[in-house]
């Protein structure tokens, strides 16, 4: 039941709509009526395919009354702009040239619809909507939509702000738009502007080109002035980002030029420029903004600045006046790539006005140009024109007799970009029409057809277009719709006669193999300074070698102080904000700009101290040899025999070894010398002290044997026992040395703790315990020798050798007790010198005290070297 009710209700609704539609169809026709029409200044030409164009033919607009008490009037434009009109004519010329080319778009005629945007966003937007929608007052709604063919692509707009607004709408319908002058880097966003292309490089490349110029001349400190629009703000963001990323410079100030004639704001900006230490001023703005600024610059007489111009005003003739050139002379600017267009002048000379001109909007653009150029008016003339002496235009005036920039084709820059934009659309359309059925890029491998052409199909081919202009420039677009970038570098030359010339002094381009490349002819550059050289523009001069930069607080990174590097460090070439330490074996030179090998220090044979110690060592060895010879020669004399000749010979040999072992402490430490020096020292001295100890014990034994009942004491100190005791005591030291060398051997060591700029070569003990045990064992033997000798000091004179031993041991112990603290506190090679001195002092002490008196008797008093004399001394006491 409910289902039946729903069905009946649906039928009633359908019947209602059917009769309503029939009634309305009988009253209203099947058509769409325009609610209004934009009054746009334009020029048109019919064709099989229509291309649109937007150009600034006028500078200003008159704002209508917007009180809305009546229907608002359309805005009107005034202030004719000859260069804007020439841009429109370039597009007309390019299309005419393409139509005459039998190889490009054969059997297809291109037409155009060109509108004046009056350099204003609202009017430019009206023009774009009119191009894509048409302006037919009525469109009949049948199976085929009747009316003028819509454009398949638009050349324009010249402004980044207008291009952003227009392409954001056209992008929704994928209508291609090829700009010839919009440089904002934000337009590379393919998500927001999927059908936007341009034949001028983006500001991102222009900014990098300017940074390359700054880097080339060493300008790290610059001011930035921008216009208060999308062009200026996006350029500023790009410049700040690139400077921060590259670290090539800093901004001393950043100011936004007012749109209107705000005198107070302009005066404030000029005061900032005047007070700043930056000598370079970068300006991203249009000439209208700069005119207001320069008036104040002239008023305050701000000279000595190097101006850098963006492409928006590099070629601005309105700024190249005798009043401004003293300030703007020498300006370096980035300019759009210039080109040559053969046949253009002849085409421009053929322009003729429409004689039936009624001062209404339509094909009036040429007539307005004619009136502006010849300062006349077409009939009917405005009221008062003729009365004021004005002339009527006849249409027969001669353009070739006019001296203005319209016919000057020597410096085609934006015009060349318009030319390339038209050809890019034409080549893309040609590629699409040459598609072979079944091999197309669209769904089902289909191709685009002229009868059913969709603008989005042309976008596909625009992304892949690649052609070469007659001037030789290759044109193609990257994945962001940007053309292969190239800029000319221009210089404002102020000639002696007061005239001005904008000369090409180089180029900045990007290539596949070389990347971004700056080419400058510096000999051609005119510098508006007394020295005729590039100015210096830095916040802080580069730090000299041996210093590093320290940033000043609350100032840009280009402002810094130079602080000397500390010892052992030099300037870091990769990071100038810090010093880098020299390698381990190197030290900084006095200038702190490079590392030099550290001075090496050790007890050398080539220095006075080493020579003296080595000579003393050899002298002691020689004396030992001489004494040994004397003793050997007089070995049978009583004094030698009484002093235990065998132990005396052993003692002399051990002293000789003590003198020689000191040589191991001189010279650069090696592994074998480090291991051998202390072992030789320890064993030699133990051998020496052992001989003295045994000799002292023999003296006591002989004395006791001379007493009644003491004969048995000598049997324990026979020759064999003496040799065995010396060998045993020496073997203990040998075992200590072996254990030390095996467990923790001394090794060569480079010590830098004493002085950072020197390397002290020394022998590291390896084990301090091993060295202490070695010395301790010598000390124990020496102490025992001293103690026994001290106890035997009061023996009869015939045995007075105990006194000599006591005295010698006293000297020995004194030397080595003093050695320990002095050795510890001695730095570097002086520690080795102290040890050598201790060895030599103790050796000489033993040699002189033990053998000096005997040699004196043998050589100087031979009469005392008799048994009777020796025994007699004992009876006399």
Foldseek 3Di string as FASTA:
>chain_A
DVVVVVVVVVVVVVVVVVVVVVVVCVVDPQKDFDPDFAQWFKAKDDWLAEEEEEFAQAADWDAWDPPPPDPTDHIGGDHGDLVRLLLVVLLVVLQVVQQVDCVFPHPTHYMYIYTHQNPDQVSLLSRLCCQQPPGDRMWHDDPDTDDGDHHLAYEDDQEQQNCLVNQQVVQVQLRAYEYLHYAQPVLLPCVRRVRYFYAAHHLLVVLVQVLVVCLVQVFAEEAEEEEPDRQGVSNVVSNVVVCVVVVSHDYPYYYYQYPDLPPVRLLVVVVSVQPDLFQEYEYHYAPVSVVSNQVNCLVVVRANHAYEYEQRCLPPPVQLALSRCLHHALHKYWHADFFADPPSLVSVQPDFADLPDDPGRDNCSSVVVVCVQVVADHPPDDPPQVVVVGHHDDRPDGPVVGDDCSSDRPGHGSSVRSSVSSVLLSQLVSVQCPQDACCDPDPSNGGADSVRHRSNNSSVSSQVDWDADPRGDIWHAHPSNYTFHKIFIWGWHQDPVRGIDIDTFWMWGADPPPGTDTDGNVVPRADSDPVRDDDHGFQDDDADKQWAWDADPPDDPRHTDTGGADKQWIQDPVHRRHTDGDPQQWIADPRRRDTDGFAEDAQACPDPLNVVLLVLLVVQLVVLVVLLVLCVVCVVFQVCVLQPVVLVNQLSVLLSLLSVLLNLRYDFDAQVSQLVSLLSNLLSLLLNLLSLQLSLQQLVLVLQCVDPPSVVSCVCNDPVNSVVSSVVSSVVLNVLSVVQCVPFGWHWDFDCPVPVRYTFIDTDSRDPVSSVVSVVSSVVSLVSSLVSLVVCCPPFQLSNLSVLSNQLSVQLNVLVVVLVVVLVPDDGNVNSSSVSVSSSRSSVSNCCSNRVVVVCCVPVNVVCRHPCNSVVSRVVD
